[in-house]
């Protein structure tokens, strides 16, 4: 009998908590956004891509030219192999090895600079996304905005999708930050 009473009591408690949880959940307004789409389609990302291209295009072109020079020297060595003396072959081989080392070192340094610049820009964009999400949530009464790309979101109805609105808000935040930066 004691077991039956305690089972009934536990069942009552579970039902009570489940109704309380459902009532609390009904009060929470949740939005779902595709963060990858918001960032990719934002003005901030488009400006960042343009800036990176402008910043690094000259150095990228130099590396490509050096790569072509290496190919040209390799072809010359193959074509002139029978006509070159042993000393000339050794000199060209040493020149080729040096050019390849230089190319590899410069490519590594270049890639590191690009990665560092991308990290700085990505952090600036993500900071703007956080500001935009907060402002959008506050304006529209959302308690929570989640990224639909996260593993925890398996399904959400279309009515919860705030991706476009969040993208618009991000663009406003980015534009106002750019305007503030230009006024300084």
Protein backbone atom coordinates (compact mmCIF):
# COMPACT_ATOMS: atom_id res chain seq x y z
CA UNK A 1 0.00 0.00 0.00
CA UNK A 2 2.83 2.35 0.86
CA UNK A 3 4.32 1.57 -2.56
CA UNK A 4 1.02 2.41 -4.31
CA UNK A 5 0.68 5.72 -2.43
CA UNK A 6 4.25 6.76 -3.16
CA UNK A 7 3.82 5.80 -6.84
CA UNK A 8 0.63 7.88 -7.02
CA UNK A 9 2.38 10.78 -5.28
CA UNK A 10 5.31 10.64 -7.73
CA UNK A 11 2.87 10.50 -10.65
CA UNK A 12 1.02 13.55 -9.33
CA UNK A 13 4.27 15.45 -8.93
CA UNK A 14 5.34 14.57 -12.49
CA UNK A 15 2.00 15.74 -13.87
CA UNK A 16 2.17 18.94 -11.85
CA UNK A 17 5.69 19.74 -13.05
CA UNK A 18 4.84 18.91 -16.66
CA UNK A 19 1.86 21.31 -16.64
CA UNK A 20 4.01 23.99 -15.03
CA UNK A 21 6.74 23.47 -17.61
CA UNK A 22 4.24 23.63 -20.48
CA UNK A 23 2.79 26.85 -19.14
CA UNK A 24 6.26 28.35 -18.81
CA UNK A 25 7.25 27.16 -22.30
CA UNK A 26 4.17 28.79 -23.80
CA UNK A 27 5.40 32.12 -22.51
CA UNK A 28 8.80 31.86 -24.19
CA UNK A 29 9.04 33.31 -27.72
CA UNK A 30 11.73 31.55 -29.74
CA UNK A 31 13.13 32.46 -33.15
CA UNK A 32 15.25 30.28 -35.37
CA UNK A 33 17.79 31.75 -37.82
CA UNK A 34 20.19 30.23 -40.29
CA UNK A 35 23.33 31.95 -39.02
CA UNK A 36 25.45 30.78 -41.95
CA UNK A 37 22.98 32.33 -44.41
CA UNK A 38 22.76 35.54 -42.38
CA UNK A 39 26.54 35.96 -42.37
CA UNK A 40 27.10 34.85 -45.98
CA UNK A 41 24.45 37.15 -47.44
CA UNK A 42 25.25 40.15 -45.25
CA UNK A 43 26.74 43.43 -46.42
CA UNK A 44 29.45 42.86 -43.86
CA UNK A 45 30.57 39.62 -45.51
CA UNK A 46 30.47 41.12 -49.01
CA UNK A 47 32.55 44.10 -47.86
CA UNK A 48 34.97 41.75 -46.10
CA UNK A 49 35.47 39.62 -49.20
CA UNK A 50 36.11 42.74 -51.29
CA UNK A 51 38.54 44.11 -48.70
CA UNK A 52 40.45 40.83 -48.49
CA UNK A 53 40.70 40.61 -52.27
CA UNK A 54 41.98 44.18 -52.51
CA UNK A 55 44.40 43.76 -49.64
CA UNK A 56 45.97 40.52 -50.78
CA UNK A 57 45.62 40.48 -54.57
CA UNK A 58 49.05 42.01 -55.30
CA UNK A 59 50.85 39.52 -53.08
CA UNK A 60 48.76 36.65 -54.47
CA UNK A 61 49.73 37.73 -58.00
CA UNK A 62 53.42 37.79 -57.02
CA UNK A 63 53.17 34.25 -55.67
CA UNK A 64 51.43 33.08 -58.84
CA UNK A 65 54.17 34.71 -60.93
CA UNK A 66 56.86 32.99 -58.87
CA UNK A 67 55.03 29.68 -59.38
CA UNK A 68 55.01 30.24 -63.13
CA UNK A 69 58.71 31.14 -63.04
CA UNK A 70 59.39 27.83 -61.28
CA UNK A 71 57.43 25.97 -63.95
CA UNK A 72 59.33 27.84 -66.68
CA UNK A 73 62.71 27.00 -65.13
CA UNK A 74 61.67 23.35 -64.76
CA UNK A 75 60.69 23.22 -68.43
CA UNK A 76 63.96 24.88 -69.45
CA UNK A 77 65.93 22.30 -67.48
CA UNK A 78 64.07 19.45 -69.18
CA UNK A 79 64.45 20.93 -72.65
CA UNK A 80 68.14 21.80 -72.22
CA UNK A 81 69.15 18.73 -70.23
CA UNK A 82 71.26 17.24 -73.00
CA UNK A 83 72.88 20.55 -73.98
CA UNK A 84 73.85 21.71 -70.47
CA UNK A 85 77.10 20.81 -68.79
CA UNK A 86 77.04 19.10 -65.41
CA UNK A 87 77.98 22.38 -63.70
CA UNK A 88 75.20 24.28 -65.51
CA UNK A 89 72.66 21.58 -64.57
CA UNK A 90 73.78 21.78 -60.95
CA UNK A 91 73.49 25.58 -60.98
CA UNK A 92 69.98 25.48 -62.47
CA UNK A 93 68.98 22.75 -60.00
CA UNK A 94 70.24 24.90 -57.09
CA UNK A 95 68.39 27.91 -58.51
CA UNK A 96 65.19 25.84 -58.80
CA UNK A 97 65.49 24.51 -55.24
CA UNK A 98 66.01 28.05 -53.92
CA UNK A 99 63.03 29.36 -55.87
CA UNK A 100 60.85 26.52 -54.57
CA UNK A 101 61.91 27.17 -50.96
CA UNK A 102 61.24 30.88 -51.39
CA UNK A 103 57.83 30.14 -52.92
CA UNK A 104 56.90 27.74 -50.11
CA UNK A 105 58.05 30.18 -47.39
CA UNK A 106 56.23 33.10 -48.95
CA UNK A 107 53.09 31.02 -49.53
CA UNK A 108 53.06 29.90 -45.88
CA UNK A 109 53.51 33.49 -44.67
CA UNK A 110 50.84 34.72 -47.09
CA UNK A 111 48.34 32.07 -45.99
CA UNK A 112 49.00 32.95 -42.35
CA UNK A 113 48.35 36.66 -43.01
CA UNK A 114 45.14 35.86 -44.87
CA UNK A 115 43.94 33.56 -42.07
CA UNK A 116 44.70 36.22 -39.46
CA UNK A 117 42.84 38.89 -41.45
CA UNK A 118 39.88 36.53 -41.97
CA UNK A 119 39.77 35.80 -38.23
CA UNK A 120 39.68 39.50 -37.36
CA UNK A 121 36.93 40.17 -39.89
CA UNK A 122 34.94 37.08 -38.87
CA UNK A 123 35.06 38.20 -35.22
CA UNK A 124 33.86 41.69 -36.19
CA UNK A 125 30.98 40.21 -38.18
CA UNK A 126 30.01 37.80 -35.39
CA UNK A 127 30.04 40.66 -32.88
CA UNK A 128 27.68 42.57 -35.19
CA UNK A 129 25.47 39.46 -35.47
CA UNK A 130 25.19 39.27 -31.68
CA UNK A 131 24.25 42.95 -31.50
CA UNK A 132 21.74 42.54 -34.35
CA UNK A 133 20.18 39.45 -32.74
CA UNK A 134 19.87 41.23 -29.39
CA UNK A 135 18.31 44.34 -30.94
CA UNK A 136 15.93 42.29 -33.09
CA UNK A 137 14.91 40.12 -30.14
CA UNK A 138 14.27 43.12 -27.92
CA UNK A 139 12.26 44.96 -30.60
CA UNK A 140 10.13 41.93 -31.40
CA UNK A 141 9.70 40.32 -27.98
CA UNK A 142 11.86 37.24 -28.51
CA UNK A 143 13.29 35.51 -25.47
CA UNK A 144 15.62 33.30 -27.48
CA UNK A 145 17.00 33.18 -31.01
CA UNK A 146 18.76 29.97 -31.97
CA UNK A 147 20.96 29.01 -34.91
CA UNK A 148 19.18 26.44 -37.08
CA UNK A 149 22.56 25.03 -38.06
CA UNK A 150 23.25 23.85 -34.55
CA UNK A 151 22.85 20.17 -33.77
CA UNK A 152 20.15 20.88 -31.16
CA UNK A 153 17.56 22.13 -33.68
CA UNK A 154 16.07 19.19 -35.51
CA UNK A 155 12.87 20.90 -36.62
CA UNK A 156 11.22 24.27 -36.40
CA UNK A 157 8.16 25.62 -38.13
CA UNK A 158 8.55 28.29 -40.79
CA UNK A 159 6.76 30.76 -38.52
CA UNK A 160 9.78 30.65 -36.18
CA UNK A 161 12.27 31.47 -38.96
CA UNK A 162 13.69 34.95 -38.44
CA UNK A 163 16.65 34.58 -40.85
CA UNK A 164 15.62 37.33 -43.27
CA UNK A 165 14.68 39.74 -40.49
CA UNK A 166 17.96 39.06 -38.68
CA UNK A 167 19.88 39.60 -41.93
CA UNK A 168 18.14 42.97 -42.38
CA UNK A 169 18.95 43.90 -38.78
CA UNK A 170 22.60 42.86 -39.23
CA UNK A 171 22.88 45.04 -42.32
CA UNK A 172 21.46 48.00 -40.35
CA UNK A 173 23.89 47.39 -37.48
CA UNK A 174 26.81 47.05 -39.92
CA UNK A 175 25.83 50.22 -41.78
CA UNK A 176 25.50 52.21 -38.55
CA UNK A 177 28.89 50.93 -37.34
CA UNK A 178 30.44 51.90 -40.69
CA UNK A 179 28.83 55.33 -40.48
CA UNK A 180 30.23 55.80 -36.95
CA UNK A 181 33.69 54.70 -38.10
CA UNK A 182 33.62 57.11 -41.05
CA UNK A 183 32.54 60.03 -38.86
CA UNK A 184 35.56 59.66 -36.59
